[in-house]
Amino acid sequence: MNQLFNVEGMTCGHCEKAVTKALMTLDPHAQITIDRSQNKVQVDSEQPREKLMKAIVDEGYRVQA
């Protein structure tokens, strides 16, 4: 299932890696695309949206629902 998140607080490549790692820990098969300039994180995963959102929030980023 392809899901799009608006993520605030990603300012650098390290931020992108942190978000990617958090999502990949939850779902190692997830396909993740990040557009930091647009604050967008696109995730293709079978995990529920709430779990994906929690993984991002637990890394310290705000997700606009």
PDB file of N, CA and C in Angstrom:
ATOM      1  N   MET A   1       0.848  -1.161   0.000  1.00  0.00           N
ATOM      2  CA  MET A   1       0.000   0.000   0.000  1.00  0.00           C
ATOM      3  C   MET A   1       0.907   1.241   0.000  1.00  0.00           C
ATOM      4  N   ASN A   2       0.643   2.153  -0.899  1.00  0.00           N
ATOM      5  CA  ASN A   2       1.438   3.362  -1.036  1.00  0.00           C
ATOM      6  C   ASN A   2       0.827   4.467  -0.170  1.00  0.00           C
ATOM      7  N   GLN A   3       1.645   5.053   0.713  1.00  0.00           N
ATOM      8  CA  GLN A   3       1.149   6.082   1.618  1.00  0.00           C
ATOM      9  C   GLN A   3       2.072   7.291   1.581  1.00  0.00           C
ATOM     10  N   LEU A   4       1.491   8.482   1.713  1.00  0.00           N
ATOM     11  CA  LEU A   4       2.246   9.724   1.672  1.00  0.00           C
ATOM     12  C   LEU A   4       2.106  10.443   3.008  1.00  0.00           C
ATOM     13  N   PHE A   5       3.248  10.878   3.547  1.00  0.00           N
ATOM     14  CA  PHE A   5       3.269  11.592   4.816  1.00  0.00           C
ATOM     15  C   PHE A   5       3.890  12.963   4.619  1.00  0.00           C
ATOM     16  N   ASN A   6       3.350  13.974   5.295  1.00  0.00           N
ATOM     17  CA  ASN A   6       3.967  15.292   5.377  1.00  0.00           C
ATOM     18  C   ASN A   6       4.760  15.312   6.677  1.00  0.00           C
ATOM     19  N   VAL A   7       6.084  15.381   6.545  1.00  0.00           N
ATOM     20  CA  VAL A   7       6.968  15.275   7.704  1.00  0.00           C
ATOM     21  C   VAL A   7       7.719  16.590   7.898  1.00  0.00           C
ATOM     22  N   GLU A   8       7.589  17.170   9.079  1.00  0.00           N
ATOM     23  CA  GLU A   8       8.266  18.422   9.398  1.00  0.00           C
ATOM     24  C   GLU A   8       9.542  18.131  10.177  1.00  0.00           C
ATOM     25  N   GLY A   9      10.576  18.914   9.896  1.00  0.00           N
ATOM     26  CA  GLY A   9      11.796  18.813  10.690  1.00  0.00           C
ATOM     27  C   GLY A   9      12.954  18.135   9.990  1.00  0.00           C
ATOM     28  N   MET A  10      12.749  17.609   8.791  1.00  0.00           N
ATOM     29  CA  MET A  10      13.850  16.990   8.053  1.00  0.00           C
ATOM     30  C   MET A  10      14.647  18.108   7.381  1.00  0.00           C
ATOM     31  N   THR A  11      15.881  18.311   7.826  1.00  0.00           N
ATOM     32  CA  THR A  11      16.669  19.422   7.309  1.00  0.00           C
ATOM     33  C   THR A  11      17.934  18.996   6.582  1.00  0.00           C
ATOM     34  N   CYS A  12      18.292  17.708   6.638  1.00  0.00           N
ATOM     35  CA  CYS A  12      19.558  17.299   6.036  1.00  0.00           C
ATOM     36  C   CYS A  12      19.510  15.818   5.641  1.00  0.00           C
ATOM     37  N   GLY A  13      20.578  15.376   5.029  1.00  0.00           N
ATOM     38  CA  GLY A  13      20.677  13.977   4.627  1.00  0.00           C
ATOM     39  C   GLY A  13      20.620  13.031   5.814  1.00  0.00           C
ATOM     40  N   HIS A  14      21.162  13.451   6.943  1.00  0.00           N
ATOM     41  CA  HIS A  14      21.103  12.607   8.148  1.00  0.00           C
ATOM     42  C   HIS A  14      19.660  12.385   8.567  1.00  0.00           C
ATOM     43  N   CYS A  15      18.852  13.430   8.455  1.00  0.00           N
ATOM     44  CA  CYS A  15      17.429  13.308   8.785  1.00  0.00           C
ATOM     45  C   CYS A  15      16.755  12.282   7.878  1.00  0.00           C
ATOM     46  N   GLU A  16      17.051  12.348   6.592  1.00  0.00           N
ATOM     47  CA  GLU A  16      16.483  11.396   5.640  1.00  0.00           C
ATOM     48  C   GLU A  16      16.891   9.968   6.005  1.00  0.00           C
ATOM     49  N   LYS A  17      18.152   9.788   6.346  1.00  0.00           N
ATOM     50  CA  LYS A  17      18.636   8.451   6.717  1.00  0.00           C
ATOM     51  C   LYS A  17      17.961   7.952   7.987  1.00  0.00           C
ATOM     52  N   ALA A  18      17.751   8.840   8.959  1.00  0.00           N
ATOM     53  CA  ALA A  18      17.104   8.444  10.212  1.00  0.00           C
ATOM     54  C   ALA A  18      15.670   7.983   9.969  1.00  0.00           C
ATOM     55  N   VAL A  19      14.940   8.732   9.145  1.00  0.00           N
ATOM     56  CA  VAL A  19      13.557   8.368   8.833  1.00  0.00           C
ATOM     57  C   VAL A  19      13.534   7.060   8.043  1.00  0.00           C
ATOM     58  N   THR A  20      14.416   6.936   7.071  1.00  0.00           N
ATOM     59  CA  THR A  20      14.484   5.709   6.274  1.00  0.00           C
ATOM     60  C   THR A  20      14.790   4.505   7.155  1.00  0.00           C
ATOM     61  N   LYS A  21      15.774   4.640   8.042  1.00  0.00           N
ATOM     62  CA  LYS A  21      16.154   3.531   8.924  1.00  0.00           C
ATOM     63  C   LYS A  21      14.996   3.128   9.833  1.00  0.00           C
ATOM     64  N   ALA A  22      14.293   4.120  10.378  1.00  0.00           N
ATOM     65  CA  ALA A  22      13.158   3.821  11.259  1.00  0.00           C
ATOM     66  C   ALA A  22      12.080   3.044  10.517  1.00  0.00           C
ATOM     67  N   LEU A  23      11.783   3.460   9.289  1.00  0.00           N
ATOM     68  CA  LEU A  23      10.757   2.774   8.504  1.00  0.00           C
ATOM     69  C   LEU A  23      11.217   1.389   8.068  1.00  0.00           C
ATOM     70  N   MET A  24      12.494   1.271   7.702  1.00  0.00           N
ATOM     71  CA  MET A  24      13.031  -0.030   7.265  1.00  0.00           C
ATOM     72  C   MET A  24      13.111  -1.020   8.428  1.00  0.00           C
ATOM     73  N   THR A  25      13.291  -0.515   9.645  1.00  0.00           N
ATOM     74  CA  THR A  25      13.281  -1.388  10.818  1.00  0.00           C
ATOM     75  C   THR A  25      11.896  -1.987  11.005  1.00  0.00           C
ATOM     76  N   LEU A  26      10.881  -1.181  10.754  1.00  0.00           N
ATOM     77  CA  LEU A  26       9.492  -1.641  10.870  1.00  0.00           C
ATOM     78  C   LEU A  26       9.140  -2.594   9.731  1.00  0.00           C
ATOM     79  N   ASP A  27       9.586  -2.269   8.522  1.00  0.00           N
ATOM     80  CA  ASP A  27       9.288  -3.085   7.341  1.00  0.00           C
ATOM     81  C   ASP A  27      10.507  -3.103   6.418  1.00  0.00           C
ATOM     82  N   PRO A  28      11.329  -4.153   6.520  1.00  0.00           N
ATOM     83  CA  PRO A  28      12.552  -4.235   5.714  1.00  0.00           C
ATOM     84  C   PRO A  28      12.302  -4.240   4.207  1.00  0.00           C
ATOM     85  N   HIS A  29      11.079  -4.512   3.785  1.00  0.00           N
ATOM     86  CA  HIS A  29      10.760  -4.578   2.356  1.00  0.00           C
ATOM     87  C   HIS A  29      10.106  -3.296   1.837  1.00  0.00           C
ATOM     88  N   ALA A  30       9.975  -2.305   2.698  1.00  0.00           N
ATOM     89  CA  ALA A  30       9.324  -1.044   2.306  1.00  0.00           C
ATOM     90  C   ALA A  30      10.136  -0.334   1.223  1.00  0.00           C
ATOM     91  N   GLN A  31       9.423   0.321   0.329  1.00  0.00           N
ATOM     92  CA  GLN A  31      10.039   1.185  -0.672  1.00  0.00           C
ATOM     93  C   GLN A  31       9.775   2.618  -0.209  1.00  0.00           C
ATOM     94  N   ILE A  32      10.844   3.385  -0.014  1.00  0.00           N
ATOM     95  CA  ILE A  32      10.727   4.708   0.581  1.00  0.00           C
ATOM     96  C   ILE A  32      11.321   5.749  -0.353  1.00  0.00           C
ATOM     97  N   THR A  33      10.574   6.821  -0.567  1.00  0.00           N
ATOM     98  CA  THR A  33      11.045   7.954  -1.353  1.00  0.00           C
ATOM     99  C   THR A  33      10.843   9.209  -0.510  1.00  0.00           C
ATOM    100  N   ILE A  34      11.918   9.990  -0.346  1.00  0.00           N
ATOM    101  CA  ILE A  34      11.842  11.198   0.465  1.00  0.00           C
ATOM    102  C   ILE A  34      12.163  12.406  -0.402  1.00  0.00           C
ATOM    103  N   ASP A  35      11.286  13.415  -0.314  1.00  0.00           N
ATOM    104  CA  ASP A  35      11.523  14.704  -0.964  1.00  0.00           C
ATOM    105  C   ASP A  35      11.600  15.733   0.160  1.00  0.00           C
ATOM    106  N   ARG A  36      12.820  15.956   0.636  1.00  0.00           N
ATOM    107  CA  ARG A  36      13.022  16.831   1.794  1.00  0.00           C
ATOM    108  C   ARG A  36      12.561  18.263   1.512  1.00  0.00           C
ATOM    109  N   SER A  37      12.753  18.747   0.300  1.00  0.00           N
ATOM    110  CA  SER A  37      12.364  20.124  -0.021  1.00  0.00           C
ATOM    111  C   SER A  37      10.853  20.324   0.061  1.00  0.00           C
ATOM    112  N   GLN A  38      10.094  19.258  -0.136  1.00  0.00           N
ATOM    113  CA  GLN A  38       8.631  19.323  -0.059  1.00  0.00           C
ATOM    114  C   GLN A  38       8.094  18.746   1.256  1.00  0.00           C
ATOM    115  N   ASN A  39       8.997  18.260   2.123  1.00  0.00           N
ATOM    116  CA  ASN A  39       8.610  17.624   3.397  1.00  0.00           C
ATOM    117  C   ASN A  39       7.726  16.402   3.174  1.00  0.00           C
ATOM    118  N   LYS A  40       7.986  15.661   2.106  1.00  0.00           N
ATOM    119  CA  LYS A  40       7.160  14.501   1.771  1.00  0.00           C
ATOM    120  C   LYS A  40       7.953  13.200   1.954  1.00  0.00           C
ATOM    121  N   VAL A  41       7.288  12.225   2.527  1.00  0.00           N
ATOM    122  CA  VAL A  41       7.834  10.878   2.632  1.00  0.00           C
ATOM    123  C   VAL A  41       6.781   9.936   2.059  1.00  0.00           C
ATOM    124  N   GLN A  42       7.158   9.231   1.015  1.00  0.00           N
ATOM    125  CA  GLN A  42       6.260   8.265   0.383  1.00  0.00           C
ATOM    126  C   GLN A  42       6.753   6.874   0.755  1.00  0.00           C
ATOM    127  N   VAL A  43       5.833   6.056   1.241  1.00  0.00           N
ATOM    128  CA  VAL A  43       6.184   4.715   1.710  1.00  0.00           C
ATOM    129  C   VAL A  43       5.254   3.702   1.071  1.00  0.00           C
ATOM    130  N   ASP A  44       5.847   2.719   0.427  1.00  0.00           N
ATOM    131  CA  ASP A  44       5.085   1.594  -0.102  1.00  0.00           C
ATOM    132  C   ASP A  44       5.340   0.427   0.836  1.00  0.00           C
ATOM    133  N   SER A  45       4.345   0.101   1.654  1.00  0.00           N
ATOM    134  CA  SER A  45       4.498  -0.903   2.706  1.00  0.00           C
ATOM    135  C   SER A  45       3.143  -1.511   3.033  1.00  0.00           C
ATOM    136  N   GLU A  46       3.178  -2.718   3.538  1.00  0.00           N
ATOM    137  CA  GLU A  46       1.953  -3.371   3.990  1.00  0.00           C
ATOM    138  C   GLU A  46       1.636  -3.036   5.451  1.00  0.00           C
ATOM    139  N   GLN A  47       2.534  -2.306   6.112  1.00  0.00           N
ATOM    140  CA  GLN A  47       2.308  -1.936   7.512  1.00  0.00           C
ATOM    141  C   GLN A  47       1.189  -0.899   7.598  1.00  0.00           C
ATOM    142  N   PRO A  48       0.434  -0.903   8.690  1.00  0.00           N
ATOM    143  CA  PRO A  48      -0.628   0.088   8.864  1.00  0.00           C
ATOM    144  C   PRO A  48      -0.054   1.505   8.942  1.00  0.00           C
ATOM    145  N   ARG A  49      -0.810   2.461   8.451  1.00  0.00           N
ATOM    146  CA  ARG A  49      -0.388   3.861   8.434  1.00  0.00           C
ATOM    147  C   ARG A  49       0.029   4.341   9.826  1.00  0.00           C
ATOM    148  N   GLU A  50      -0.721   3.953  10.849  1.00  0.00           N
ATOM    149  CA  GLU A  50      -0.440   4.395  12.209  1.00  0.00           C
ATOM    150  C   GLU A  50       0.943   3.935  12.662  1.00  0.00           C
ATOM    151  N   LYS A  51       1.331   2.720  12.329  1.00  0.00           N
ATOM    152  CA  LYS A  51       2.652   2.209  12.728  1.00  0.00           C
ATOM    153  C   LYS A  51       3.764   2.944  11.995  1.00  0.00           C
ATOM    154  N   LEU A  52       3.559   3.219  10.711  1.00  0.00           N
ATOM    155  CA  LEU A  52       4.559   3.958   9.942  1.00  0.00           C
ATOM    156  C   LEU A  52       4.711   5.372  10.505  1.00  0.00           C
ATOM    157  N   MET A  53       3.597   6.003  10.811  1.00  0.00           N
ATOM    158  CA  MET A  53       3.626   7.348  11.365  1.00  0.00           C
ATOM    159  C   MET A  53       4.338   7.353  12.718  1.00  0.00           C
ATOM    160  N   LYS A  54       4.066   6.367  13.539  1.00  0.00           N
ATOM    161  CA  LYS A  54       4.702   6.276  14.858  1.00  0.00           C
ATOM    162  C   LYS A  54       6.208   6.106  14.722  1.00  0.00           C
ATOM    163  N   ALA A  55       6.654   5.330  13.748  1.00  0.00           N
ATOM    164  CA  ALA A  55       8.090   5.139  13.541  1.00  0.00           C
ATOM    165  C   ALA A  55       8.769   6.469  13.214  1.00  0.00           C
ATOM    166  N   ILE A  56       8.112   7.298  12.419  1.00  0.00           N
ATOM    167  CA  ILE A  56       8.670   8.607  12.061  1.00  0.00           C
ATOM    168  C   ILE A  56       8.665   9.531  13.281  1.00  0.00           C
ATOM    169  N   VAL A  57       7.560   9.565  14.001  1.00  0.00           N
ATOM    170  CA  VAL A  57       7.429  10.422  15.187  1.00  0.00           C
ATOM    171  C   VAL A  57       8.438  10.006  16.256  1.00  0.00           C
ATOM    172  N   ASP A  58       8.642   8.711  16.432  1.00  0.00           N
ATOM    173  CA  ASP A  58       9.595   8.223  17.429  1.00  0.00           C
ATOM    174  C   ASP A  58      11.024   8.659  17.116  1.00  0.00           C
ATOM    175  N   GLU A  59      11.301   9.009  15.858  1.00  0.00           N
ATOM    176  CA  GLU A  59      12.622   9.519  15.483  1.00  0.00           C
ATOM    177  C   GLU A  59      12.744  11.013  15.779  1.00  0.00           C
ATOM    178  N   GLY A  60      11.645  11.639  16.197  1.00  0.00           N
ATOM    179  CA  GLY A  60      11.693  13.035  16.584  1.00  0.00           C
ATOM    180  C   GLY A  60      11.145  14.012  15.561  1.00  0.00           C
ATOM    181  N   TYR A  61      10.421  13.509  14.562  1.00  0.00           N
ATOM    182  CA  TYR A  61       9.867  14.371  13.509  1.00  0.00           C
ATOM    183  C   TYR A  61       8.361  14.484  13.677  1.00  0.00           C
ATOM    184  N   ARG A  62       7.812  15.595  13.233  1.00  0.00           N
ATOM    185  CA  ARG A  62       6.360  15.809  13.286  1.00  0.00           C
ATOM    186  C   ARG A  62       5.739  15.346  11.966  1.00  0.00           C
ATOM    187  N   VAL A  63       4.644  14.638  12.099  1.00  0.00           N
ATOM    188  CA  VAL A  63       3.904  14.174  10.918  1.00  0.00           C
ATOM    189  C   VAL A  63       2.542  14.837  10.933  1.00  0.00           C
ATOM    190  N   GLN A  64       2.232  15.539   9.852  1.00  0.00           N
ATOM    191  CA  GLN A  64       0.913  16.138   9.717  1.00  0.00           C
ATOM    192  C   GLN A  64      -0.034  15.078   9.173  1.00  0.00           C
ATOM    193  N   ALA A  65      -1.091  14.829   9.912  1.00  0.00           N
ATOM    194  CA  ALA A  65      -2.044  13.777   9.515  1.00  0.00           C
ATOM    195  C   ALA A  65      -2.909  14.222   8.360  1.00  0.00           C
TER     196      ALA A  65
END
